[in-house]
């Protein structure tokens, strides 16, 4: 079984390149997954607010933007959405 040195060298370069590309793409993927998790958590918080606000005829629109704001900013994001609701009386 004779392999050329060029072929072995190409395999080594390919493996090293694959390793560095994996490292290069894993950081943005972690950020995207973190933002996605925050948005899902924000949607859950808005759902709870709408459920409890149903008794007082108060609701916040549940869409990707409001879920992202709530999930990213947390409690200040919820307060921001409530303040915007009262400012624009929507």
PDB file of N, CA and C in Angstrom:
ATOM      1  N   UNK A   1       0.841  -1.173   0.000  1.00  0.00           N
ATOM      2  CA  UNK A   1       0.000   0.000   0.000  1.00  0.00           C
ATOM      3  C   UNK A   1       0.887   1.237   0.000  1.00  0.00           C
ATOM      4  N   UNK A   2       1.057   1.753  -1.163  1.00  0.00           N
ATOM      5  CA  UNK A   2       1.904   2.917  -1.317  1.00  0.00           C
ATOM      6  C   UNK A   2       1.023   4.137  -1.573  1.00  0.00           C
ATOM      7  N   UNK A   3       1.125   5.135  -0.728  1.00  0.00           N
ATOM      8  CA  UNK A   3       0.402   6.394  -0.895  1.00  0.00           C
ATOM      9  C   UNK A   3       1.411   7.480  -1.210  1.00  0.00           C
ATOM     10  N   UNK A   4       1.033   8.362  -2.087  1.00  0.00           N
ATOM     11  CA  UNK A   4       1.914   9.478  -2.403  1.00  0.00           C
ATOM     12  C   UNK A   4       1.924  10.460  -1.241  1.00  0.00           C
ATOM     13  N   UNK A   5       3.035  11.116  -1.081  1.00  0.00           N
ATOM     14  CA  UNK A   5       3.143  12.095  -0.003  1.00  0.00           C
ATOM     15  C   UNK A   5       2.208  13.278  -0.242  1.00  0.00           C
ATOM     16  N   UNK A   6       1.939  13.601  -1.482  1.00  0.00           N
ATOM     17  CA  UNK A   6       1.019  14.696  -1.798  1.00  0.00           C
ATOM     18  C   UNK A   6      -0.396  14.408  -1.324  1.00  0.00           C
ATOM     19  N   UNK A   7      -0.831  13.167  -1.454  1.00  0.00           N
ATOM     20  CA  UNK A   7      -2.168  12.792  -1.016  1.00  0.00           C
ATOM     21  C   UNK A   7      -2.273  12.847   0.502  1.00  0.00           C
ATOM     22  N   UNK A   8      -1.276  12.345   1.191  1.00  0.00           N
ATOM     23  CA  UNK A   8      -1.258  12.389   2.656  1.00  0.00           C
ATOM     24  C   UNK A   8      -1.232  13.831   3.139  1.00  0.00           C
ATOM     25  N   UNK A   9      -0.418  14.654   2.491  1.00  0.00           N
ATOM     26  CA  UNK A   9      -0.323  16.076   2.840  1.00  0.00           C
ATOM     27  C   UNK A   9      -1.673  16.770   2.604  1.00  0.00           C
ATOM     28  N   UNK A  10      -2.366  16.423   1.526  1.00  0.00           N
ATOM     29  CA  UNK A  10      -3.676  17.014   1.240  1.00  0.00           C
ATOM     30  C   UNK A  10      -4.690  16.637   2.317  1.00  0.00           C
ATOM     31  N   UNK A  11      -4.661  15.379   2.767  1.00  0.00           N
ATOM     32  CA  UNK A  11      -5.550  14.959   3.850  1.00  0.00           C
ATOM     33  C   UNK A  11      -5.264  15.741   5.129  1.00  0.00           C
ATOM     34  N   UNK A  12      -4.012  15.907   5.456  1.00  0.00           N
ATOM     35  CA  UNK A  12      -3.641  16.649   6.672  1.00  0.00           C
ATOM     36  C   UNK A  12      -4.100  18.095   6.573  1.00  0.00           C
ATOM     37  N   UNK A  13      -3.879  18.724   5.431  1.00  0.00           N
ATOM     38  CA  UNK A  13      -4.310  20.113   5.233  1.00  0.00           C
ATOM     39  C   UNK A  13      -5.840  20.200   5.326  1.00  0.00           C
ATOM     40  N   UNK A  14      -6.539  19.235   4.754  1.00  0.00           N
ATOM     41  CA  UNK A  14      -8.001  19.218   4.810  1.00  0.00           C
ATOM     42  C   UNK A  14      -8.519  19.098   6.227  1.00  0.00           C
ATOM     43  N   UNK A  15      -7.907  18.256   7.025  1.00  0.00           N
ATOM     44  CA  UNK A  15      -8.331  18.081   8.414  1.00  0.00           C
ATOM     45  C   UNK A  15      -8.065  19.348   9.219  1.00  0.00           C
ATOM     46  N   UNK A  16      -6.904  19.965   9.025  1.00  0.00           N
ATOM     47  CA  UNK A  16      -6.585  21.212   9.738  1.00  0.00           C
ATOM     48  C   UNK A  16      -7.547  22.319   9.307  1.00  0.00           C
ATOM     49  N   UNK A  17      -7.835  22.412   8.023  1.00  0.00           N
ATOM     50  CA  UNK A  17      -8.761  23.424   7.524  1.00  0.00           C
ATOM     51  C   UNK A  17     -10.161  23.205   8.078  1.00  0.00           C
ATOM     52  N   UNK A  18     -10.592  21.967   8.133  1.00  0.00           N
ATOM     53  CA  UNK A  18     -11.899  21.645   8.701  1.00  0.00           C
ATOM     54  C   UNK A  18     -11.968  22.022  10.182  1.00  0.00           C
ATOM     55  N   UNK A  19     -10.889  21.789  10.902  1.00  0.00           N
ATOM     56  CA  UNK A  19     -10.834  22.157  12.314  1.00  0.00           C
ATOM     57  C   UNK A  19     -10.993  23.666  12.491  1.00  0.00           C
ATOM     58  N   UNK A  20     -10.254  24.453  11.712  1.00  0.00           N
ATOM     59  CA  UNK A  20     -10.323  25.908  11.854  1.00  0.00           C
ATOM     60  C   UNK A  20     -11.657  26.469  11.367  1.00  0.00           C
ATOM     61  N   UNK A  21     -12.246  25.898  10.336  1.00  0.00           N
ATOM     62  CA  UNK A  21     -13.565  26.348   9.899  1.00  0.00           C
ATOM     63  C   UNK A  21     -14.618  26.025  10.954  1.00  0.00           C
ATOM     64  N   UNK A  22     -14.494  24.882  11.598  1.00  0.00           N
ATOM     65  CA  UNK A  22     -15.413  24.542  12.679  1.00  0.00           C
ATOM     66  C   UNK A  22     -15.316  25.530  13.825  1.00  0.00           C
ATOM     67  N   UNK A  23     -14.105  25.908  14.191  1.00  0.00           N
ATOM     68  CA  UNK A  23     -13.915  26.908  15.243  1.00  0.00           C
ATOM     69  C   UNK A  23     -14.471  28.265  14.816  1.00  0.00           C
ATOM     70  N   UNK A  24     -14.317  28.579  13.534  1.00  0.00           N
ATOM     71  CA  UNK A  24     -14.757  29.870  13.011  1.00  0.00           C
ATOM     72  C   UNK A  24     -16.276  29.989  13.026  1.00  0.00           C
ATOM     73  N   UNK A  25     -16.997  28.892  12.742  1.00  0.00           N
ATOM     74  CA  UNK A  25     -18.447  28.944  12.657  1.00  0.00           C
ATOM     75  C   UNK A  25     -19.156  28.626  13.967  1.00  0.00           C
ATOM     76  N   UNK A  26     -18.474  28.090  14.962  1.00  0.00           N
ATOM     77  CA  UNK A  26     -19.146  27.714  16.204  1.00  0.00           C
ATOM     78  C   UNK A  26     -19.486  28.942  17.052  1.00  0.00           C
ATOM     79  N   UNK A  27     -18.683  29.983  17.002  1.00  0.00           N
ATOM     80  CA  UNK A  27     -18.949  31.180  17.810  1.00  0.00           C
ATOM     81  C   UNK A  27     -20.234  31.873  17.364  1.00  0.00           C
ATOM     82  N   UNK A  28     -20.441  32.144  16.059  1.00  0.00           N
ATOM     83  CA  UNK A  28     -21.718  32.746  15.671  1.00  0.00           C
ATOM     84  C   UNK A  28     -22.907  31.828  15.950  1.00  0.00           C
ATOM     85  N   UNK A  29     -22.716  30.534  15.840  1.00  0.00           N
ATOM     86  CA  UNK A  29     -23.817  29.605  16.085  1.00  0.00           C
ATOM     87  C   UNK A  29     -24.228  29.650  17.558  1.00  0.00           C
ATOM     88  N   UNK A  30     -23.276  29.784  18.468  1.00  0.00           N
ATOM     89  CA  UNK A  30     -23.607  29.910  19.885  1.00  0.00           C
ATOM     90  C   UNK A  30     -24.415  31.185  20.130  1.00  0.00           C
ATOM     91  N   UNK A  31     -24.041  32.270  19.463  1.00  0.00           N
ATOM     92  CA  UNK A  31     -24.752  33.536  19.618  1.00  0.00           C
ATOM     93  C   UNK A  31     -26.178  33.421  19.085  1.00  0.00           C
ATOM     94  N   UNK A  32     -26.340  32.790  17.946  1.00  0.00           N
ATOM     95  CA  UNK A  32     -27.670  32.618  17.360  1.00  0.00           C
ATOM     96  C   UNK A  32     -28.540  31.749  18.268  1.00  0.00           C
ATOM     97  N   UNK A  33     -27.994  30.676  18.792  1.00  0.00           N
ATOM     98  CA  UNK A  33     -28.769  29.812  19.689  1.00  0.00           C
ATOM     99  C   UNK A  33     -29.139  30.536  20.980  1.00  0.00           C
ATOM    100  N   UNK A  34     -28.241  31.372  21.482  1.00  0.00           N
ATOM    101  CA  UNK A  34     -28.525  32.143  22.688  1.00  0.00           C
ATOM    102  C   UNK A  34     -29.655  33.143  22.443  1.00  0.00           C
ATOM    103  N   UNK A  35     -29.632  33.818  21.285  1.00  0.00           N
ATOM    104  CA  UNK A  35     -30.700  34.757  20.946  1.00  0.00           C
ATOM    105  C   UNK A  35     -32.028  34.031  20.723  1.00  0.00           C
ATOM    106  N   UNK A  36     -31.979  32.856  20.115  1.00  0.00           N
ATOM    107  CA  UNK A  36     -33.188  32.074  19.896  1.00  0.00           C
ATOM    108  C   UNK A  36     -33.796  31.632  21.229  1.00  0.00           C
ATOM    109  N   UNK A  37     -32.959  31.178  22.149  1.00  0.00           N
ATOM    110  CA  UNK A  37     -33.437  30.777  23.470  1.00  0.00           C
ATOM    111  C   UNK A  37     -34.048  31.970  24.204  1.00  0.00           C
ATOM    112  N   UNK A  38     -33.395  33.131  24.113  1.00  0.00           N
ATOM    113  CA  UNK A  38     -33.924  34.333  24.763  1.00  0.00           C
ATOM    114  C   UNK A  38     -35.266  34.734  24.173  1.00  0.00           C
ATOM    115  N   UNK A  39     -35.417  34.613  22.871  1.00  0.00           N
ATOM    116  CA  UNK A  39     -36.687  34.953  22.233  1.00  0.00           C
ATOM    117  C   UNK A  39     -37.802  34.004  22.659  1.00  0.00           C
ATOM    118  N   UNK A  40     -37.497  32.727  22.770  1.00  0.00           N
ATOM    119  CA  UNK A  40     -38.505  31.764  23.222  1.00  0.00           C
ATOM    120  C   UNK A  40     -38.894  32.051  24.670  1.00  0.00           C
ATOM    121  N   UNK A  41     -37.915  32.379  25.485  1.00  0.00           N
ATOM    122  CA  UNK A  41     -38.203  32.744  26.874  1.00  0.00           C
ATOM    123  C   UNK A  41     -39.047  34.016  26.939  1.00  0.00           C
ATOM    124  N   UNK A  42     -38.724  34.995  26.098  1.00  0.00           N
ATOM    125  CA  UNK A  42     -39.508  36.231  26.042  1.00  0.00           C
ATOM    126  C   UNK A  42     -40.940  35.979  25.612  1.00  0.00           C
ATOM    127  N   UNK A  43     -41.130  35.078  24.649  1.00  0.00           N
ATOM    128  CA  UNK A  43     -42.488  34.740  24.210  1.00  0.00           C
ATOM    129  C   UNK A  43     -43.269  34.113  25.360  1.00  0.00           C
ATOM    130  N   UNK A  44     -42.606  33.284  26.145  1.00  0.00           N
ATOM    131  CA  UNK A  44     -43.268  32.691  27.307  1.00  0.00           C
ATOM    132  C   UNK A  44     -43.677  33.736  28.333  1.00  0.00           C
ATOM    133  N   UNK A  45     -42.807  34.712  28.542  1.00  0.00           N
ATOM    134  CA  UNK A  45     -43.131  35.776  29.498  1.00  0.00           C
ATOM    135  C   UNK A  45     -44.312  36.601  28.999  1.00  0.00           C
ATOM    136  N   UNK A  46     -44.319  36.931  27.710  1.00  0.00           N
ATOM    137  CA  UNK A  46     -45.442  37.690  27.156  1.00  0.00           C
ATOM    138  C   UNK A  46     -46.729  36.879  27.235  1.00  0.00           C
ATOM    139  N   UNK A  47     -46.634  35.566  27.003  1.00  0.00           N
ATOM    140  CA  UNK A  47     -47.813  34.709  27.112  1.00  0.00           C
ATOM    141  C   UNK A  47     -48.378  34.759  28.537  1.00  0.00           C
ATOM    142  N   UNK A  48     -47.503  34.711  29.528  1.00  0.00           N
ATOM    143  CA  UNK A  48     -47.952  34.773  30.929  1.00  0.00           C
ATOM    144  C   UNK A  48     -48.574  36.132  31.224  1.00  0.00           C
ATOM    145  N   UNK A  49     -47.946  37.211  30.722  1.00  0.00           N
ATOM    146  CA  UNK A  49     -48.501  38.552  30.936  1.00  0.00           C
ATOM    147  C   UNK A  49     -49.878  38.665  30.290  1.00  0.00           C
ATOM    148  N   UNK A  50     -50.019  38.127  29.086  1.00  0.00           N
ATOM    149  CA  UNK A  50     -51.322  38.177  28.416  1.00  0.00           C
ATOM    150  C   UNK A  50     -52.364  37.341  29.149  1.00  0.00           C
ATOM    151  N   UNK A  51     -51.943  36.205  29.707  1.00  0.00           N
ATOM    152  CA  UNK A  51     -52.876  35.368  30.461  1.00  0.00           C
ATOM    153  C   UNK A  51     -53.361  36.097  31.712  1.00  0.00           C
ATOM    154  N   UNK A  52     -52.421  36.650  32.463  1.00  0.00           N
ATOM    155  CA  UNK A  52     -52.800  37.376  33.675  1.00  0.00           C
ATOM    156  C   UNK A  52     -53.474  38.702  33.347  1.00  0.00           C
ATOM    157  N   UNK A  53     -53.062  39.349  32.269  1.00  0.00           N
ATOM    158  CA  UNK A  53     -53.668  40.611  31.869  1.00  0.00           C
ATOM    159  C   UNK A  53     -55.059  40.447  31.298  1.00  0.00           C
ATOM    160  N   UNK A  54     -55.428  39.224  30.940  1.00  0.00           N
ATOM    161  CA  UNK A  54     -56.778  38.971  30.442  1.00  0.00           C
ATOM    162  C   UNK A  54     -57.840  39.291  31.480  1.00  0.00           C
ATOM    163  N   UNK A  55     -57.495  39.175  32.735  1.00  0.00           N
ATOM    164  CA  UNK A  55     -58.433  39.509  33.798  1.00  0.00           C
ATOM    165  C   UNK A  55     -58.638  41.017  33.907  1.00  0.00           C
ATOM    166  N   UNK A  56     -57.664  41.808  33.427  1.00  0.00           N
ATOM    167  CA  UNK A  56     -57.729  43.264  33.512  1.00  0.00           C
ATOM    168  C   UNK A  56     -57.879  43.925  32.140  1.00  0.00           C
ATOM    169  N   UNK A  57     -58.171  43.130  31.114  1.00  0.00           N
ATOM    170  CA  UNK A  57     -58.290  43.585  29.737  1.00  0.00           C
ATOM    171  C   UNK A  57     -57.007  44.280  29.263  1.00  0.00           C
ATOM    172  N   UNK A  58     -55.884  43.633  29.534  1.00  0.00           N
ATOM    173  CA  UNK A  58     -54.578  44.145  29.115  1.00  0.00           C
ATOM    174  C   UNK A  58     -53.842  43.023  28.391  1.00  0.00           C
ATOM    175  N   UNK A  59     -53.275  43.363  27.226  1.00  0.00           N
ATOM    176  CA  UNK A  59     -52.472  42.380  26.505  1.00  0.00           C
ATOM    177  C   UNK A  59     -51.382  43.076  25.706  1.00  0.00           C
ATOM    178  N   UNK A  60     -50.344  42.341  25.436  1.00  0.00           N
ATOM    179  CA  UNK A  60     -49.224  42.800  24.611  1.00  0.00           C
ATOM    180  C   UNK A  60     -49.180  41.877  23.402  1.00  0.00           C
ATOM    181  N   UNK A  61     -48.989  42.463  22.244  1.00  0.00           N
ATOM    182  CA  UNK A  61     -48.933  41.659  21.023  1.00  0.00           C
ATOM    183  C   UNK A  61     -47.771  40.671  21.115  1.00  0.00           C
ATOM    184  N   UNK A  62     -48.044  39.439  20.776  1.00  0.00           N
ATOM    185  CA  UNK A  62     -47.006  38.405  20.791  1.00  0.00           C
ATOM    186  C   UNK A  62     -46.530  38.175  19.360  1.00  0.00           C
ATOM    187  N   UNK A  63     -45.377  38.743  19.042  1.00  0.00           N
ATOM    188  CA  UNK A  63     -44.761  38.564  17.732  1.00  0.00           C
ATOM    189  C   UNK A  63     -43.255  38.435  17.925  1.00  0.00           C
ATOM    190  N   UNK A  64     -42.516  38.106  16.891  1.00  0.00           N
ATOM    191  CA  UNK A  64     -41.067  37.895  17.073  1.00  0.00           C
ATOM    192  C   UNK A  64     -40.322  39.108  17.629  1.00  0.00           C
ATOM    193  N   UNK A  65     -40.747  40.305  17.276  1.00  0.00           N
ATOM    194  CA  UNK A  65     -40.038  41.502  17.748  1.00  0.00           C
ATOM    195  C   UNK A  65     -40.241  41.699  19.241  1.00  0.00           C
ATOM    196  N   UNK A  66     -41.487  41.606  19.707  1.00  0.00           N
ATOM    197  CA  UNK A  66     -41.729  41.787  21.137  1.00  0.00           C
ATOM    198  C   UNK A  66     -41.117  40.651  21.950  1.00  0.00           C
ATOM    199  N   UNK A  67     -41.135  39.441  21.414  1.00  0.00           N
ATOM    200  CA  UNK A  67     -40.507  38.313  22.115  1.00  0.00           C
ATOM    201  C   UNK A  67     -38.996  38.522  22.208  1.00  0.00           C
ATOM    202  N   UNK A  68     -38.394  39.021  21.134  1.00  0.00           N
ATOM    203  CA  UNK A  68     -36.953  39.288  21.139  1.00  0.00           C
ATOM    204  C   UNK A  68     -36.608  40.388  22.133  1.00  0.00           C
ATOM    205  N   UNK A  69     -37.410  41.462  22.160  1.00  0.00           N
ATOM    206  CA  UNK A  69     -37.164  42.561  23.109  1.00  0.00           C
ATOM    207  C   UNK A  69     -37.275  42.060  24.543  1.00  0.00           C
ATOM    208  N   UNK A  70     -38.308  41.300  24.831  1.00  0.00           N
ATOM    209  CA  UNK A  70     -38.502  40.786  26.186  1.00  0.00           C
ATOM    210  C   UNK A  70     -37.407  39.799  26.564  1.00  0.00           C
ATOM    211  N   UNK A  71     -37.055  38.916  25.659  1.00  0.00           N
ATOM    212  CA  UNK A  71     -36.036  37.914  25.963  1.00  0.00           C
ATOM    213  C   UNK A  71     -34.659  38.511  26.105  1.00  0.00           C
ATOM    214  N   UNK A  72     -34.346  39.528  25.316  1.00  0.00           N
ATOM    215  CA  UNK A  72     -33.017  40.125  25.361  1.00  0.00           C
ATOM    216  C   UNK A  72     -32.861  41.080  26.537  1.00  0.00           C
ATOM    217  N   UNK A  73     -33.856  41.933  26.759  1.00  0.00           N
ATOM    218  CA  UNK A  73     -33.738  42.949  27.805  1.00  0.00           C
ATOM    219  C   UNK A  73     -34.265  42.497  29.161  1.00  0.00           C
ATOM    220  N   UNK A  74     -35.089  41.463  29.175  1.00  0.00           N
ATOM    221  CA  UNK A  74     -35.621  40.966  30.443  1.00  0.00           C
ATOM    222  C   UNK A  74     -36.722  41.854  30.983  1.00  0.00           C
ATOM    223  N   UNK A  75     -36.668  42.124  32.285  1.00  0.00           N
ATOM    224  CA  UNK A  75     -37.699  42.935  32.944  1.00  0.00           C
ATOM    225  C   UNK A  75     -37.760  44.349  32.367  1.00  0.00           C
ATOM    226  N   UNK A  76     -36.626  45.029  32.110  1.00  0.00           N
ATOM    227  CA  UNK A  76     -36.731  46.344  31.477  1.00  0.00           C
ATOM    228  C   UNK A  76     -37.412  46.294  30.103  1.00  0.00           C
ATOM    229  N   UNK A  77     -37.244  45.205  29.387  1.00  0.00           N
ATOM    230  CA  UNK A  77     -37.918  45.049  28.104  1.00  0.00           C
ATOM    231  C   UNK A  77     -39.419  44.941  28.262  1.00  0.00           C
ATOM    232  N   UNK A  78     -39.857  44.215  29.282  1.00  0.00           N
ATOM    233  CA  UNK A  78     -41.292  44.110  29.557  1.00  0.00           C
ATOM    234  C   UNK A  78     -41.849  45.476  29.933  1.00  0.00           C
ATOM    235  N   UNK A  79     -41.135  46.185  30.795  1.00  0.00           N
ATOM    236  CA  UNK A  79     -41.579  47.524  31.192  1.00  0.00           C
ATOM    237  C   UNK A  79     -41.600  48.473  29.995  1.00  0.00           C
ATOM    238  N   UNK A  80     -40.637  48.328  29.094  1.00  0.00           N
ATOM    239  CA  UNK A  80     -40.611  49.140  27.880  1.00  0.00           C
ATOM    240  C   UNK A  80     -41.837  48.870  27.014  1.00  0.00           C
ATOM    241  N   UNK A  81     -42.176  47.612  26.840  1.00  0.00           N
ATOM    242  CA  UNK A  81     -43.352  47.278  26.036  1.00  0.00           C
ATOM    243  C   UNK A  81     -44.639  47.777  26.676  1.00  0.00           C
ATOM    244  N   UNK A  82     -44.728  47.694  27.998  1.00  0.00           N
ATOM    245  CA  UNK A  82     -45.914  48.203  28.695  1.00  0.00           C
ATOM    246  C   UNK A  82     -45.999  49.714  28.544  1.00  0.00           C
ATOM    247  N   UNK A  83     -44.870  50.400  28.691  1.00  0.00           N
ATOM    248  CA  UNK A  83     -44.848  51.863  28.540  1.00  0.00           C
ATOM    249  C   UNK A  83     -45.212  52.249  27.103  1.00  0.00           C
ATOM    250  N   UNK A  84     -44.700  51.556  26.126  1.00  0.00           N
ATOM    251  CA  UNK A  84     -45.045  51.868  24.737  1.00  0.00           C
ATOM    252  C   UNK A  84     -46.510  51.617  24.460  1.00  0.00           C
ATOM    253  N   UNK A  85     -47.085  50.605  25.091  1.00  0.00           N
ATOM    254  CA  UNK A  85     -48.507  50.322  24.911  1.00  0.00           C
ATOM    255  C   UNK A  85     -49.337  51.489  25.435  1.00  0.00           C
ATOM    256  N   UNK A  86     -48.958  52.022  26.592  1.00  0.00           N
ATOM    257  CA  UNK A  86     -49.721  53.138  27.144  1.00  0.00           C
ATOM    258  C   UNK A  86     -49.445  54.442  26.395  1.00  0.00           C
ATOM    259  N   UNK A  87     -48.246  54.622  25.890  1.00  0.00           N
ATOM    260  CA  UNK A  87     -47.933  55.852  25.139  1.00  0.00           C
ATOM    261  C   UNK A  87     -48.712  55.905  23.832  1.00  0.00           C
ATOM    262  N   UNK A  88     -48.723  54.786  23.101  1.00  0.00           N
ATOM    263  CA  UNK A  88     -49.408  54.782  21.819  1.00  0.00           C
ATOM    264  C   UNK A  88     -50.872  54.352  21.921  1.00  0.00           C
ATOM    265  N   UNK A  89     -51.326  53.943  23.104  1.00  0.00           N
ATOM    266  CA  UNK A  89     -52.699  53.536  23.366  1.00  0.00           C
ATOM    267  C   UNK A  89     -53.225  52.581  22.293  1.00  0.00           C
ATOM    268  N   UNK A  90     -52.407  51.570  21.978  1.00  0.00           N
ATOM    269  CA  UNK A  90     -52.788  50.612  20.945  1.00  0.00           C
ATOM    270  C   UNK A  90     -53.439  49.390  21.541  1.00  0.00           C
TER     271      UNK A  90
END
